[in-house]
């Protein structure tokens, strides 16, 4: 059994593992070379939703994750937090430059194919990255709230899958899951149901919600 000090260290490591990003005011590579368009580097230690909201308000339209991101179940906290940032940036319509690492083959299962595609994918066959790029579109796996329920629309695996979450116990966990919940604090029923639906990732001792929030609805909206 881990000691209390070990548990505190693990808990402290999560907020300290915020990803480092490089920021620009434009999507276009040529524009990013112009004077004044580069905003330098920053470590984002706050909640992913709040960080991306603030970046967008400040005019950021493109960011680069400076470190490779591991996709697998054994990913460290830094990679898990980078993926949550990617989820929020994708939902906001930002361009993200990043490199993925996947030695266990999980990328082929399309779990993360709703996120803005990486520039490189190490550890997987070239066709996996080609498929990710060819099939990506905005709002591929999204969540939106209604009165007393949440709807998830998921097209990661080709056909549209709809999930309606209306159980109060499940709804009560969604805000926390958006930023990562320690696995031993997640109710068993919530863990079981969301894992069975493929709506959570489990990394670094935490579970986090995979669908992106709808911030900018694509046109035509019927594609999602």
C-alpha atoms as a PDB file:
ATOM      1  CA  UNK A   1       0.000   0.000   0.000  1.00  0.00           C
ATOM      2  CA  UNK A   2       1.432   3.437  -0.924  1.00  0.00           C
ATOM      3  CA  UNK A   3       2.400   5.665   1.978  1.00  0.00           C
ATOM      4  CA  UNK A   4       0.602   8.960   2.619  1.00  0.00           C
ATOM      5  CA  UNK A   5       3.683  10.838   1.444  1.00  0.00           C
ATOM      6  CA  UNK A   6       3.726   8.841  -1.811  1.00  0.00           C
ATOM      7  CA  UNK A   7       0.044   9.602  -2.353  1.00  0.00           C
ATOM      8  CA  UNK A   8       0.674  13.315  -1.759  1.00  0.00           C
ATOM      9  CA  UNK A   9       3.603  13.235  -4.192  1.00  0.00           C
ATOM     10  CA  UNK A  10       1.446  11.632  -6.885  1.00  0.00           C
ATOM     11  CA  UNK A  11      -1.324  14.170  -6.269  1.00  0.00           C
ATOM     12  CA  UNK A  12       1.141  17.066  -6.438  1.00  0.00           C
ATOM     13  CA  UNK A  13       2.662  15.725  -9.678  1.00  0.00           C
ATOM     14  CA  UNK A  14      -0.617  16.135 -11.584  1.00  0.00           C
ATOM     15  CA  UNK A  15      -0.921  19.955 -11.425  1.00  0.00           C
ATOM     16  CA  UNK A  16       2.834  20.314 -11.840  1.00  0.00           C
ATOM     17  CA  UNK A  17       2.709  18.303 -15.093  1.00  0.00           C
ATOM     18  CA  UNK A  18       1.105  21.039 -17.176  1.00  0.00           C
ATOM     19  CA  UNK A  19       2.380  20.946 -20.774  1.00  0.00           C
ATOM     20  CA  UNK A  20       4.737  23.489 -22.305  1.00  0.00           C
ATOM     21  CA  UNK A  21       3.404  25.107 -25.473  1.00  0.00           C
ATOM     22  CA  UNK A  22       4.636  27.491 -28.131  1.00  0.00           C
ATOM     23  CA  UNK A  23       1.998  29.999 -29.269  1.00  0.00           C
ATOM     24  CA  UNK A  24       1.134  31.923 -32.448  1.00  0.00           C
ATOM     25  CA  UNK A  25      -1.588  34.347 -33.523  1.00  0.00           C
ATOM     26  CA  UNK A  26      -2.323  32.677 -36.873  1.00  0.00           C
ATOM     27  CA  UNK A  27      -2.977  29.237 -38.340  1.00  0.00           C
ATOM     28  CA  UNK A  28      -0.901  29.721 -41.511  1.00  0.00           C
ATOM     29  CA  UNK A  29       2.787  28.670 -41.374  1.00  0.00           C
ATOM     30  CA  UNK A  30       3.827  31.685 -43.477  1.00  0.00           C
ATOM     31  CA  UNK A  31       1.971  34.102 -41.213  1.00  0.00           C
ATOM     32  CA  UNK A  32       3.555  32.565 -38.124  1.00  0.00           C
ATOM     33  CA  UNK A  33       6.944  33.714 -39.455  1.00  0.00           C
ATOM     34  CA  UNK A  34       5.904  37.363 -39.526  1.00  0.00           C
ATOM     35  CA  UNK A  35       7.073  39.741 -36.788  1.00  0.00           C
ATOM     36  CA  UNK A  36       4.716  39.899 -33.835  1.00  0.00           C
ATOM     37  CA  UNK A  37       2.832  36.675 -34.572  1.00  0.00           C
ATOM     38  CA  UNK A  38       4.886  34.463 -32.260  1.00  0.00           C
ATOM     39  CA  UNK A  39       4.011  34.711 -28.557  1.00  0.00           C
ATOM     40  CA  UNK A  40       6.798  32.515 -27.219  1.00  0.00           C
ATOM     41  CA  UNK A  41       6.554  29.566 -24.884  1.00  0.00           C
ATOM     42  CA  UNK A  42       4.421  29.036 -21.820  1.00  0.00           C
ATOM     43  CA  UNK A  43       3.758  26.228 -19.330  1.00  0.00           C
ATOM     44  CA  UNK A  44       0.012  25.746 -18.856  1.00  0.00           C
ATOM     45  CA  UNK A  45      -0.552  24.494 -15.318  1.00  0.00           C
ATOM     46  CA  UNK A  46      -4.232  25.438 -14.973  1.00  0.00           C
ATOM     47  CA  UNK A  47      -7.349  23.493 -15.988  1.00  0.00           C
ATOM     48  CA  UNK A  48      -7.306  22.727 -19.714  1.00  0.00           C
ATOM     49  CA  UNK A  49     -10.707  24.315 -20.370  1.00  0.00           C
ATOM     50  CA  UNK A  50      -9.762  27.588 -18.676  1.00  0.00           C
ATOM     51  CA  UNK A  51      -6.310  27.711 -20.296  1.00  0.00           C
ATOM     52  CA  UNK A  52      -7.645  27.233 -23.835  1.00  0.00           C
ATOM     53  CA  UNK A  53     -10.454  29.726 -23.283  1.00  0.00           C
ATOM     54  CA  UNK A  54      -7.943  32.348 -22.180  1.00  0.00           C
ATOM     55  CA  UNK A  55      -5.558  31.600 -25.057  1.00  0.00           C
ATOM     56  CA  UNK A  56      -8.345  31.970 -27.612  1.00  0.00           C
ATOM     57  CA  UNK A  57      -9.480  35.262 -26.075  1.00  0.00           C
ATOM     58  CA  UNK A  58      -5.879  36.492 -26.316  1.00  0.00           C
ATOM     59  CA  UNK A  59      -5.878  35.798 -30.057  1.00  0.00           C
ATOM     60  CA  UNK A  60      -3.967  32.499 -30.101  1.00  0.00           C
ATOM     61  CA  UNK A  61      -4.918  30.362 -33.105  1.00  0.00           C
ATOM     62  CA  UNK A  62      -2.063  27.844 -33.220  1.00  0.00           C
ATOM     63  CA  UNK A  63      -0.037  26.128 -30.526  1.00  0.00           C
ATOM     64  CA  UNK A  64       2.724  23.557 -30.470  1.00  0.00           C
ATOM     65  CA  UNK A  65       3.297  21.005 -27.735  1.00  0.00           C
ATOM     66  CA  UNK A  66       7.041  21.055 -27.190  1.00  0.00           C
ATOM     67  CA  UNK A  67       7.301  17.479 -25.862  1.00  0.00           C
ATOM     68  CA  UNK A  68       6.127  14.224 -27.492  1.00  0.00           C
ATOM     69  CA  UNK A  69       2.812  12.916 -26.143  1.00  0.00           C
ATOM     70  CA  UNK A  70       2.425   9.260 -25.197  1.00  0.00           C
ATOM     71  CA  UNK A  71      -0.990   7.799 -26.042  1.00  0.00           C
ATOM     72  CA  UNK A  72      -0.775   4.486 -24.217  1.00  0.00           C
ATOM     73  CA  UNK A  73      -2.245   3.404 -20.874  1.00  0.00           C
ATOM     74  CA  UNK A  74       1.173   3.800 -19.234  1.00  0.00           C
ATOM     75  CA  UNK A  75       1.404   7.460 -20.273  1.00  0.00           C
ATOM     76  CA  UNK A  76       2.741   9.788 -17.569  1.00  0.00           C
ATOM     77  CA  UNK A  77       0.776  12.681 -16.119  1.00  0.00           C
ATOM     78  CA  UNK A  78       2.439  15.125 -18.544  1.00  0.00           C
ATOM     79  CA  UNK A  79       1.074  13.235 -21.558  1.00  0.00           C
ATOM     80  CA  UNK A  80      -2.399  12.839 -20.052  1.00  0.00           C
ATOM     81  CA  UNK A  81      -2.593  16.551 -19.372  1.00  0.00           C
ATOM     82  CA  UNK A  82      -1.306  17.338 -22.863  1.00  0.00           C
ATOM     83  CA  UNK A  83      -4.065  15.169 -24.348  1.00  0.00           C
ATOM     84  CA  UNK A  84      -6.706  16.980 -22.310  1.00  0.00           C
ATOM     85  CA  UNK A  85      -5.307  20.272 -23.575  1.00  0.00           C
ATOM     86  CA  UNK A  86      -5.526  18.865 -27.105  1.00  0.00           C
ATOM     87  CA  UNK A  87      -9.162  17.947 -26.512  1.00  0.00           C
ATOM     88  CA  UNK A  88      -9.993  21.499 -25.458  1.00  0.00           C
ATOM     89  CA  UNK A  89      -7.940  23.098 -28.242  1.00  0.00           C
ATOM     90  CA  UNK A  90      -9.632  20.850 -30.806  1.00  0.00           C
ATOM     91  CA  UNK A  91     -13.053  21.858 -29.492  1.00  0.00           C
ATOM     92  CA  UNK A  92     -12.079  25.529 -29.711  1.00  0.00           C
ATOM     93  CA  UNK A  93     -10.898  25.186 -33.310  1.00  0.00           C
ATOM     94  CA  UNK A  94      -7.213  25.827 -32.668  1.00  0.00           C
ATOM     95  CA  UNK A  95      -4.497  24.253 -34.807  1.00  0.00           C
ATOM     96  CA  UNK A  96      -2.172  22.067 -32.741  1.00  0.00           C
ATOM     97  CA  UNK A  97       1.306  20.958 -33.778  1.00  0.00           C
ATOM     98  CA  UNK A  98       2.337  17.874 -31.837  1.00  0.00           C
ATOM     99  CA  UNK A  99       4.137  14.536 -31.947  1.00  0.00           C
ATOM    100  CA  UNK A 100       2.505  11.328 -30.712  1.00  0.00           C
ATOM    101  CA  UNK A 101       4.212   8.206 -29.364  1.00  0.00           C
ATOM    102  CA  UNK A 102       2.421   4.846 -29.244  1.00  0.00           C
ATOM    103  CA  UNK A 103       4.561   1.731 -28.692  1.00  0.00           C
ATOM    104  CA  UNK A 104       1.662  -0.547 -27.713  1.00  0.00           C
ATOM    105  CA  UNK A 105      -0.460  -0.095 -30.859  1.00  0.00           C
ATOM    106  CA  UNK A 106      -3.383   1.643 -29.139  1.00  0.00           C
ATOM    107  CA  UNK A 107      -3.472   4.422 -31.756  1.00  0.00           C
ATOM    108  CA  UNK A 108      -4.904   1.983 -34.283  1.00  0.00           C
ATOM    109  CA  UNK A 109      -8.036   1.658 -32.128  1.00  0.00           C
ATOM    110  CA  UNK A 110      -8.992   5.294 -32.953  1.00  0.00           C
ATOM    111  CA  UNK A 111      -9.631   6.273 -29.338  1.00  0.00           C
ATOM    112  CA  UNK A 112      -7.948   9.641 -29.902  1.00  0.00           C
ATOM    113  CA  UNK A 113      -8.890  10.144 -33.550  1.00  0.00           C
ATOM    114  CA  UNK A 114     -11.289  12.970 -32.665  1.00  0.00           C
ATOM    115  CA  UNK A 115      -8.309  15.097 -31.609  1.00  0.00           C
ATOM    116  CA  UNK A 116      -6.435  17.352 -34.022  1.00  0.00           C
ATOM    117  CA  UNK A 117      -4.082  14.924 -35.845  1.00  0.00           C
ATOM    118  CA  UNK A 118      -0.396  14.831 -34.890  1.00  0.00           C
ATOM    119  CA  UNK A 119       2.412  15.706 -37.274  1.00  0.00           C
ATOM    120  CA  UNK A 120       4.254  12.499 -36.378  1.00  0.00           C
ATOM    121  CA  UNK A 121       3.202   9.199 -34.825  1.00  0.00           C
ATOM    122  CA  UNK A 122       6.105   7.111 -33.567  1.00  0.00           C
ATOM    123  CA  UNK A 123       5.619   3.413 -32.817  1.00  0.00           C
ATOM    124  CA  UNK A 124       2.667   2.773 -35.148  1.00  0.00           C
ATOM    125  CA  UNK A 125       2.485   1.830 -38.836  1.00  0.00           C
ATOM    126  CA  UNK A 126       2.314   4.809 -41.252  1.00  0.00           C
ATOM    127  CA  UNK A 127      -1.233   3.900 -42.258  1.00  0.00           C
ATOM    128  CA  UNK A 128      -2.486   4.637 -38.741  1.00  0.00           C
ATOM    129  CA  UNK A 129      -1.444   8.287 -38.959  1.00  0.00           C
ATOM    130  CA  UNK A 130      -2.696   8.463 -42.565  1.00  0.00           C
ATOM    131  CA  UNK A 131      -6.094   7.182 -41.415  1.00  0.00           C
ATOM    132  CA  UNK A 132      -6.178   9.667 -38.532  1.00  0.00           C
ATOM    133  CA  UNK A 133      -5.516  12.563 -40.902  1.00  0.00           C
ATOM    134  CA  UNK A 134      -7.862  11.367 -43.647  1.00  0.00           C
ATOM    135  CA  UNK A 135     -10.845  10.743 -41.350  1.00  0.00           C
ATOM    136  CA  UNK A 136     -10.495  13.700 -38.992  1.00  0.00           C
ATOM    137  CA  UNK A 137     -13.134  16.433 -38.948  1.00  0.00           C
ATOM    138  CA  UNK A 138     -14.276  18.942 -36.299  1.00  0.00           C
ATOM    139  CA  UNK A 139     -16.730  17.701 -33.652  1.00  0.00           C
ATOM    140  CA  UNK A 140     -15.997  14.054 -34.356  1.00  0.00           C
ATOM    141  CA  UNK A 141     -16.652  13.140 -30.719  1.00  0.00           C
ATOM    142  CA  UNK A 142     -18.408  15.877 -28.761  1.00  0.00           C
ATOM    143  CA  UNK A 143     -20.446  16.427 -25.637  1.00  0.00           C
ATOM    144  CA  UNK A 144     -23.203  18.979 -25.183  1.00  0.00           C
ATOM    145  CA  UNK A 145     -25.388  19.701 -22.183  1.00  0.00           C
ATOM    146  CA  UNK A 146     -29.141  19.837 -21.986  1.00  0.00           C
ATOM    147  CA  UNK A 147     -31.432  20.380 -19.005  1.00  0.00           C
ATOM    148  CA  UNK A 148     -30.739  17.420 -16.748  1.00  0.00           C
ATOM    149  CA  UNK A 149     -28.775  15.385 -19.270  1.00  0.00           C
ATOM    150  CA  UNK A 150     -25.627  15.294 -21.373  1.00  0.00           C
ATOM    151  CA  UNK A 151     -25.471  13.981 -24.930  1.00  0.00           C
ATOM    152  CA  UNK A 152     -22.342  12.542 -26.531  1.00  0.00           C
ATOM    153  CA  UNK A 153     -22.162  12.252 -30.321  1.00  0.00           C
ATOM    154  CA  UNK A 154     -19.320   9.957 -31.323  1.00  0.00           C
ATOM    155  CA  UNK A 155     -18.131   9.208 -34.870  1.00  0.00           C
ATOM    156  CA  UNK A 156     -14.601   8.040 -34.056  1.00  0.00           C
ATOM    157  CA  UNK A 157     -15.346   4.551 -35.340  1.00  0.00           C
ATOM    158  CA  UNK A 158     -17.208   5.457 -38.533  1.00  0.00           C
ATOM    159  CA  UNK A 159     -20.896   5.342 -37.654  1.00  0.00           C
ATOM    160  CA  UNK A 160     -22.652   7.779 -35.344  1.00  0.00           C
ATOM    161  CA  UNK A 161     -23.050   6.546 -31.788  1.00  0.00           C
ATOM    162  CA  UNK A 162     -25.287   8.520 -29.421  1.00  0.00           C
ATOM    163  CA  UNK A 163     -24.975   8.352 -25.647  1.00  0.00           C
ATOM    164  CA  UNK A 164     -27.333  10.128 -23.262  1.00  0.00           C
ATOM    165  CA  UNK A 165     -26.095  10.536 -19.706  1.00  0.00           C
ATOM    166  CA  UNK A 166     -28.899  11.457 -17.315  1.00  0.00           C
ATOM    167  CA  UNK A 167     -28.164   9.574 -14.120  1.00  0.00           C
ATOM    168  CA  UNK A 168     -27.479  12.163 -11.376  1.00  0.00           C
ATOM    169  CA  UNK A 169     -24.520  10.188 -10.048  1.00  0.00           C
ATOM    170  CA  UNK A 170     -22.903  10.083 -13.479  1.00  0.00           C
ATOM    171  CA  UNK A 171     -23.639  13.746 -14.231  1.00  0.00           C
ATOM    172  CA  UNK A 172     -22.086  14.769 -10.926  1.00  0.00           C
ATOM    173  CA  UNK A 173     -18.720  13.334 -12.039  1.00  0.00           C
ATOM    174  CA  UNK A 174     -18.452  14.878 -15.506  1.00  0.00           C
ATOM    175  CA  UNK A 175     -16.960  18.241 -14.557  1.00  0.00           C
ATOM    176  CA  UNK A 176     -14.274  16.544 -12.482  1.00  0.00           C
ATOM    177  CA  UNK A 177     -13.626  13.977 -15.226  1.00  0.00           C
ATOM    178  CA  UNK A 178     -12.972  16.793 -17.682  1.00  0.00           C
ATOM    179  CA  UNK A 179      -9.771  17.536 -15.745  1.00  0.00           C
ATOM    180  CA  UNK A 180      -8.982  14.003 -14.518  1.00  0.00           C
ATOM    181  CA  UNK A 181     -10.281  12.080 -11.513  1.00  0.00           C
ATOM    182  CA  UNK A 182      -8.167   9.724  -9.402  1.00  0.00           C
ATOM    183  CA  UNK A 183      -9.361   6.223 -10.247  1.00  0.00           C
ATOM    184  CA  UNK A 184      -9.975   5.219  -6.638  1.00  0.00           C
ATOM    185  CA  UNK A 185     -12.290   8.226  -6.218  1.00  0.00           C
ATOM    186  CA  UNK A 186     -14.456   7.488  -9.244  1.00  0.00           C
ATOM    187  CA  UNK A 187     -17.645   5.586  -8.350  1.00  0.00           C
ATOM    188  CA  UNK A 188     -17.604   2.034  -9.703  1.00  0.00           C
ATOM    189  CA  UNK A 189     -20.840   2.423 -11.687  1.00  0.00           C
ATOM    190  CA  UNK A 190     -19.613   5.598 -13.381  1.00  0.00           C
ATOM    191  CA  UNK A 191     -16.252   4.019 -14.185  1.00  0.00           C
ATOM    192  CA  UNK A 192     -17.864   0.867 -15.559  1.00  0.00           C
ATOM    193  CA  UNK A 193     -20.413   2.596 -17.778  1.00  0.00           C
ATOM    194  CA  UNK A 194     -18.138   5.266 -19.237  1.00  0.00           C
ATOM    195  CA  UNK A 195     -15.299   2.794 -19.832  1.00  0.00           C
ATOM    196  CA  UNK A 196     -17.671   0.373 -21.585  1.00  0.00           C
ATOM    197  CA  UNK A 197     -18.808   3.194 -23.866  1.00  0.00           C
ATOM    198  CA  UNK A 198     -15.186   4.162 -24.630  1.00  0.00           C
ATOM    199  CA  UNK A 199     -15.695   7.679 -23.269  1.00  0.00           C
ATOM    200  CA  UNK A 200     -12.830   7.823 -20.785  1.00  0.00           C
ATOM    201  CA  UNK A 201      -9.085   7.310 -20.951  1.00  0.00           C
ATOM    202  CA  UNK A 202      -7.162   5.932 -17.971  1.00  0.00           C
ATOM    203  CA  UNK A 203      -3.629   7.235 -17.562  1.00  0.00           C
ATOM    204  CA  UNK A 204      -1.316   8.190 -14.698  1.00  0.00           C
ATOM    205  CA  UNK A 205      -3.725   6.798 -12.108  1.00  0.00           C
ATOM    206  CA  UNK A 206      -6.594   8.982 -13.306  1.00  0.00           C
ATOM    207  CA  UNK A 207      -9.582   8.770 -15.609  1.00  0.00           C
ATOM    208  CA  UNK A 208     -10.450  11.657 -17.904  1.00  0.00           C
ATOM    209  CA  UNK A 209     -13.342  12.362 -20.261  1.00  0.00           C
ATOM    210  CA  UNK A 210     -12.537  11.983 -23.955  1.00  0.00           C
ATOM    211  CA  UNK A 211     -15.334  13.869 -25.797  1.00  0.00           C
ATOM    212  CA  UNK A 212     -14.663  17.525 -26.560  1.00  0.00           C
ATOM    213  CA  UNK A 213     -17.077  20.302 -25.601  1.00  0.00           C
ATOM    214  CA  UNK A 214     -18.993  21.884 -28.464  1.00  0.00           C
ATOM    215  CA  UNK A 215     -17.600  25.408 -28.696  1.00  0.00           C
ATOM    216  CA  UNK A 216     -17.749  26.048 -32.428  1.00  0.00           C
ATOM    217  CA  UNK A 217     -20.362  24.098 -34.381  1.00  0.00           C
ATOM    218  CA  UNK A 218     -19.126  22.978 -37.821  1.00  0.00           C
ATOM    219  CA  UNK A 219     -20.897  23.625 -41.101  1.00  0.00           C
ATOM    220  CA  UNK A 220     -22.905  21.766 -42.103  1.00  0.00           C
ATOM    221  CA  UNK A 221     -23.835  20.639 -38.600  1.00  0.00           C
ATOM    222  CA  UNK A 222     -25.431  17.437 -39.908  1.00  0.00           C
ATOM    223  CA  UNK A 223     -21.939  16.010 -40.430  1.00  0.00           C
ATOM    224  CA  UNK A 224     -21.834  15.318 -36.690  1.00  0.00           C
END
